[in-house]
Amino acid sequence: MALKIGAMAESFRKETFREAIETAAGLGVTGIQAYITDRSQLLRVDEMNDAKVKEVMDIMKSNGLIFSAICGDMGYGFDDPEQNPKYIEISKRILDVAKKLDCNIVTTHIHQVPEVDNETTEVLRKACNELASYADSIGSCFALETGPEPGSRLARFLRSLDAKGVRVNLDPANLVMCAGDDPVDAVEHLKDYIVHTHAKDGRMLPDNKYIELPLGTGDVPFDAYLKKLVEVGFDGYLTIEREVGDNPYDDIKLAYDFLCEKKAKLNV
């Protein structure tokens, strides 16, 4: 059982999907996560007709890559009961398109799960139950990205759902930067739900601020974190995400080399 290395297509900051995929393949990753929402300039869900799906899959296959996950984050959560029907239907459409791209995982954000159950919790739960039921019906899942709340709180929320189709995309940097949480502890709490991860690093700063940093230079304890992932049985993707910085390729290459060294050191 070995962890695999992927990369976010958008992190390369290329003008076309083909350029991003060819760059990723040259780096050596085997998986790609890509947005197909309006937040991406590479792929859009409303443009993903059969011809476009075939074009995208031809590019992926010719470069020896697969989709580790599709990003369905629209920049909104699911905490607004008036807007949720629209966002839920778009999310279902994204899941359908992901399936055509041979991918069963769609990552998203739902908003911060409240510390104590309240009306917002119920709104989030209702939305997630509908998303989970639909995902279950087609053999896929929505993976909630960690960060707004500690892993223990997210795990408690997931246990309250009626279906299993909502899982976790574990981002250790988000936990460190935004929730002040220990990623190793979060893995233990969320071990039954993790289907995808981001390889990202960062540090929490005073006054509720944070900074994303190149992999290995922040506060994510990667040795213990990667070891814990393997310990709980995760053998999926560590998908490199770099959202800031002036030299995206260099930072992604640094992250790839860093992960290769860690995998060799830890035999994972």
Protein backbone atom coordinates (compact mmCIF):
# COMPACT_ATOMS: atom_id res chain seq x y z
CA MET A 1 0.00 0.00 0.00
CA ALA A 2 1.55 3.29 -1.14
CA LEU A 3 0.50 6.91 -1.13
CA LYS A 4 0.25 8.50 -4.58
CA ILE A 5 1.24 12.02 -5.63
CA GLY A 6 -1.01 14.32 -7.65
CA ALA A 7 -1.33 18.04 -8.37
CA MET A 8 -4.03 20.67 -8.82
CA ALA A 9 -4.28 21.63 -12.49
CA GLU A 10 -4.94 25.28 -11.61
CA SER A 11 -1.83 25.49 -9.44
CA PHE A 12 0.36 25.49 -12.56
CA ARG A 13 -1.38 28.70 -13.72
CA LYS A 14 -1.40 27.72 -17.37
CA GLU A 15 -3.74 29.20 -19.96
CA THR A 16 -5.13 25.88 -21.19
CA PHE A 17 -5.99 22.53 -19.67
CA ARG A 18 -3.65 20.76 -22.09
CA GLU A 19 -0.70 22.92 -21.01
CA ALA A 20 -1.40 22.23 -17.34
CA ILE A 21 -1.67 18.47 -17.92
CA GLU A 22 1.46 18.25 -20.02
CA THR A 23 3.37 20.21 -17.38
CA ALA A 24 2.06 17.94 -14.62
CA ALA A 25 2.97 14.80 -16.56
CA GLY A 26 6.48 16.11 -17.10
CA LEU A 27 6.84 16.61 -13.38
CA GLY A 28 6.00 12.97 -12.64
CA VAL A 29 2.66 13.09 -10.82
CA THR A 30 0.10 10.42 -11.67
CA GLY A 31 -3.13 12.19 -10.67
CA ILE A 32 -4.80 15.52 -11.31
CA GLN A 33 -7.44 17.42 -9.41
CA ALA A 34 -9.21 20.09 -11.46
CA TYR A 35 -12.00 22.58 -10.90
CA ILE A 36 -14.98 22.44 -13.24
CA THR A 37 -16.83 25.38 -11.68
CA ASP A 38 -16.82 29.08 -12.57
CA ARG A 39 -13.75 29.41 -10.35
CA SER A 40 -11.66 27.75 -13.07
CA GLN A 41 -10.52 29.13 -16.40
CA LEU A 42 -9.57 25.65 -17.61
CA LEU A 43 -12.78 23.57 -17.41
CA ARG A 44 -16.41 24.59 -16.81
CA VAL A 45 -19.25 22.24 -16.00
CA ASP A 46 -21.63 23.98 -18.41
CA GLU A 47 -19.19 23.35 -21.26
CA MET A 48 -18.69 19.65 -20.50
CA ASN A 49 -20.72 18.10 -23.31
CA ASP A 50 -19.79 14.68 -24.70
CA ALA A 51 -17.29 16.13 -27.16
CA LYS A 52 -15.55 18.16 -24.46
CA VAL A 53 -15.46 15.19 -22.08
CA LYS A 54 -13.82 13.09 -24.82
CA GLU A 55 -11.27 15.85 -25.50
CA VAL A 56 -10.39 16.11 -21.82
CA MET A 57 -10.10 12.35 -21.39
CA ASP A 58 -7.91 12.08 -24.50
CA ILE A 59 -5.55 14.69 -23.04
CA MET A 60 -5.44 12.87 -19.70
CA LYS A 61 -4.90 9.40 -21.17
CA SER A 62 -2.27 10.54 -23.68
CA ASN A 63 -0.28 11.92 -20.73
CA GLY A 64 -0.78 8.83 -18.56
CA LEU A 65 -2.80 10.66 -15.92
CA ILE A 66 -6.09 10.12 -14.09
CA PHE A 67 -8.30 12.46 -12.11
CA SER A 68 -7.63 12.05 -8.40
CA ALA A 69 -10.65 14.26 -7.73
CA ILE A 70 -12.80 16.94 -9.32
CA CYS A 71 -13.18 20.22 -7.44
CA GLY A 72 -16.80 21.32 -7.23
CA ASP A 73 -16.24 24.28 -4.90
CA MET A 74 -18.33 27.21 -6.16
CA GLY A 75 -17.05 29.72 -3.64
CA TYR A 76 -20.21 29.35 -1.57
CA GLY A 77 -21.16 27.11 1.31
CA PHE A 78 -24.44 25.33 1.95
CA ASP A 79 -25.56 27.48 4.89
CA ASP A 80 -28.21 29.48 3.00
CA PRO A 81 -31.50 27.56 2.80
CA GLU A 82 -32.77 29.89 0.07
CA GLN A 83 -29.81 29.26 -2.22
CA ASN A 84 -29.16 25.61 -1.35
CA PRO A 85 -31.58 24.05 -3.89
CA LYS A 86 -29.67 25.77 -6.72
CA TYR A 87 -26.23 24.89 -5.34
CA ILE A 88 -27.25 21.29 -4.67
CA GLU A 89 -28.46 20.81 -8.23
CA ILE A 90 -25.22 22.27 -9.61
CA SER A 91 -23.24 19.97 -7.33
CA LYS A 92 -25.17 16.94 -8.57
CA ARG A 93 -24.43 17.99 -12.15
CA ILE A 94 -20.73 18.27 -11.28
CA LEU A 95 -20.84 14.76 -9.79
CA ASP A 96 -22.42 13.46 -13.01
CA VAL A 97 -19.71 15.07 -15.12
CA ALA A 98 -16.99 13.74 -12.80
CA LYS A 99 -18.37 10.25 -13.37
CA LYS A 100 -17.94 10.72 -17.13
CA LEU A 101 -14.34 11.72 -16.40
CA ASP A 102 -13.82 8.36 -14.61
CA CYS A 103 -13.73 10.10 -11.24
CA ASN A 104 -15.87 9.25 -8.23
CA ILE A 105 -14.73 12.06 -5.91
CA VAL A 106 -15.92 15.68 -5.98
CA THR A 107 -14.40 17.98 -3.38
CA THR A 108 -16.27 20.98 -2.00
CA HIS A 109 -16.70 23.33 0.95
CA ILE A 110 -19.95 23.51 2.90
CA HIS A 111 -19.21 26.37 5.36
CA GLN A 112 -18.00 26.12 8.94
CA VAL A 113 -19.77 23.52 11.05
CA PRO A 114 -20.87 25.32 14.25
CA GLU A 115 -19.25 24.30 17.51
CA VAL A 116 -22.68 23.73 19.06
CA ASP A 117 -25.61 22.44 17.00
CA ASN A 118 -27.95 25.22 15.92
CA GLU A 119 -30.12 26.27 12.96
CA THR A 120 -27.07 26.54 10.69
CA THR A 121 -26.08 22.98 11.59
CA GLU A 122 -29.52 21.75 10.55
CA VAL A 123 -29.32 23.64 7.25
CA LEU A 124 -25.91 22.11 6.52
CA ARG A 125 -27.10 18.65 7.58
CA LYS A 126 -30.15 18.78 5.33
CA ALA A 127 -28.03 19.82 2.33
CA CYS A 128 -25.37 17.19 3.03
CA ASN A 129 -27.96 14.45 3.43
CA GLU A 130 -29.34 15.24 -0.02
CA LEU A 131 -25.85 15.38 -1.53
CA ALA A 132 -24.85 12.16 0.22
CA SER A 133 -27.93 10.27 -0.92
CA TYR A 134 -27.40 11.28 -4.53
CA ALA A 135 -23.71 10.43 -4.42
CA ASP A 136 -24.50 7.03 -2.91
CA SER A 137 -27.00 6.34 -5.70
CA ILE A 138 -24.30 6.59 -8.38
CA GLY A 139 -21.39 5.12 -6.45
CA SER A 140 -19.55 8.40 -5.89
CA CYS A 141 -18.97 10.86 -3.04
CA PHE A 142 -18.63 14.50 -2.15
CA ALA A 143 -15.50 15.14 -0.10
CA LEU A 144 -15.65 18.07 2.31
CA GLU A 145 -12.39 19.97 2.60
CA THR A 146 -11.05 20.36 6.12
CA GLY A 147 -10.06 23.68 7.64
CA PRO A 148 -12.93 25.82 8.88
CA GLU A 149 -13.34 23.64 11.97
CA PRO A 150 -11.23 21.05 13.85
CA GLY A 151 -11.29 17.49 12.57
CA SER A 152 -13.10 16.23 15.66
CA ARG A 153 -16.03 18.60 15.04
CA LEU A 154 -16.27 17.68 11.37
CA ALA A 155 -16.22 13.98 12.27
CA ARG A 156 -19.08 14.47 14.71
CA PHE A 157 -21.10 16.21 11.99
CA LEU A 158 -20.42 13.46 9.44
CA ARG A 159 -21.54 10.79 11.89
CA SER A 160 -24.90 12.57 12.12
CA LEU A 161 -25.68 12.17 8.41
CA ASP A 162 -28.10 9.57 7.09
CA ALA A 163 -25.98 8.47 4.09
CA LYS A 164 -22.30 7.76 3.46
CA GLY A 165 -21.87 9.75 0.25
CA VAL A 166 -20.27 12.75 1.99
CA ARG A 167 -16.65 12.07 2.92
CA VAL A 168 -13.46 14.12 3.53
CA ASN A 169 -10.76 15.82 1.50
CA LEU A 170 -8.14 16.33 4.20
CA ASP A 171 -6.06 19.50 3.82
CA PRO A 172 -3.50 19.55 6.66
CA ALA A 173 -2.45 23.14 5.99
CA ASN A 174 -6.01 24.41 6.31
CA LEU A 175 -6.27 22.69 9.68
CA VAL A 176 -3.03 24.30 10.86
CA MET A 177 -3.65 27.75 9.36
CA CYS A 178 -7.36 28.23 10.00
CA ALA A 179 -8.45 25.89 12.79
CA GLY A 180 -5.27 25.63 14.85
CA ASP A 181 -5.75 21.86 14.73
CA ASP A 182 -3.20 19.04 14.72
CA PRO A 183 -3.42 17.22 11.34
CA VAL A 184 -2.32 13.94 12.94
CA ASP A 185 -5.13 14.16 15.45
CA ALA A 186 -7.55 15.09 12.67
CA VAL A 187 -6.60 11.96 10.70
CA GLU A 188 -7.47 9.83 13.70
CA HIS A 189 -10.88 11.47 14.06
CA LEU A 190 -11.65 11.40 10.34
CA LYS A 191 -10.03 8.07 9.40
CA ASP A 192 -13.31 6.48 8.31
CA TYR A 193 -14.08 9.32 5.90
CA ILE A 194 -10.82 10.37 4.17
CA VAL A 195 -10.91 9.71 0.40
CA HIS A 196 -8.53 12.42 -0.86
CA THR A 197 -5.94 14.81 0.57
CA HIS A 198 -4.16 18.02 -0.33
CA ALA A 199 -0.42 18.40 0.06
CA LYS A 200 -0.11 21.95 1.31
CA ASP A 201 1.73 23.73 4.11
CA GLY A 202 1.31 26.89 6.10
CA ARG A 203 1.29 28.63 9.45
CA MET A 204 -1.28 30.35 11.66
CA LEU A 205 -0.44 33.98 12.44
CA PRO A 206 -1.74 36.33 15.16
CA ASP A 207 -5.10 38.10 14.79
CA ASN A 208 -6.77 35.26 12.88
CA LYS A 209 -4.39 35.58 9.97
CA TYR A 210 -2.38 32.86 8.25
CA ILE A 211 0.21 32.29 5.57
CA GLU A 212 0.53 29.48 3.03
CA LEU A 213 4.15 28.33 2.64
CA PRO A 214 6.06 25.97 0.33
CA LEU A 215 5.76 22.35 1.37
CA GLY A 216 8.06 21.45 4.25
CA THR A 217 8.56 25.04 5.43
CA GLY A 218 5.36 25.47 7.45
CA ASP A 219 3.88 23.88 10.56
CA VAL A 220 2.40 20.68 9.10
CA PRO A 221 4.31 17.77 10.76
CA PHE A 222 4.64 15.77 7.56
CA ASP A 223 6.57 12.79 8.95
CA ALA A 224 3.97 12.08 11.61
CA TYR A 225 1.07 13.09 9.34
CA LEU A 226 2.01 10.80 6.43
CA LYS A 227 2.77 7.95 8.81
CA LYS A 228 -0.67 8.39 10.39
CA LEU A 229 -2.41 8.37 7.01
CA VAL A 230 -0.86 5.02 6.19
CA GLU A 231 -1.56 3.71 9.68
CA VAL A 232 -5.31 4.32 9.24
CA GLY A 233 -5.31 2.63 5.83
CA PHE A 234 -5.33 5.59 3.45
CA ASP A 235 -3.60 4.82 0.15
CA GLY A 236 -4.99 7.57 -2.05
CA TYR A 237 -3.62 10.83 -3.38
CA LEU A 238 -1.51 13.54 -1.83
CA THR A 239 -2.53 16.27 -4.28
CA ILE A 240 -0.20 19.24 -4.35
CA GLU A 241 -2.03 22.57 -4.11
CA ARG A 242 -0.18 25.86 -4.32
CA GLU A 243 -2.46 28.91 -4.24
CA VAL A 244 0.10 31.69 -3.77
CA GLY A 245 3.71 32.47 -4.70
CA ASP A 246 5.46 33.95 -7.74
CA ASN A 247 6.97 30.70 -9.06
CA PRO A 248 4.22 28.06 -9.10
CA TYR A 249 6.13 25.43 -11.08
CA ASP A 250 9.21 25.70 -8.85
CA ASP A 251 7.05 25.43 -5.72
CA ILE A 252 5.16 22.41 -7.10
CA LYS A 253 8.44 20.77 -8.12
CA LEU A 254 9.79 21.40 -4.62
CA ALA A 255 6.63 19.85 -3.17
CA TYR A 256 6.87 16.82 -5.47
CA ASP A 257 10.52 16.20 -4.55
CA PHE A 258 9.72 16.72 -0.87
CA LEU A 259 6.91 14.14 -0.97
CA CYS A 260 9.06 11.65 -2.89
CA GLU A 261 11.76 11.96 -0.23
CA LYS A 262 9.24 11.52 2.59
CA LYS A 263 7.66 8.51 0.90
CA ALA A 264 11.06 6.89 0.50
CA LYS A 265 12.11 7.71 4.06
CA LEU A 266 8.88 6.40 5.57
CA ASN A 267 8.46 3.58 3.02
CA VAL A 268 4.95 4.77 2.19
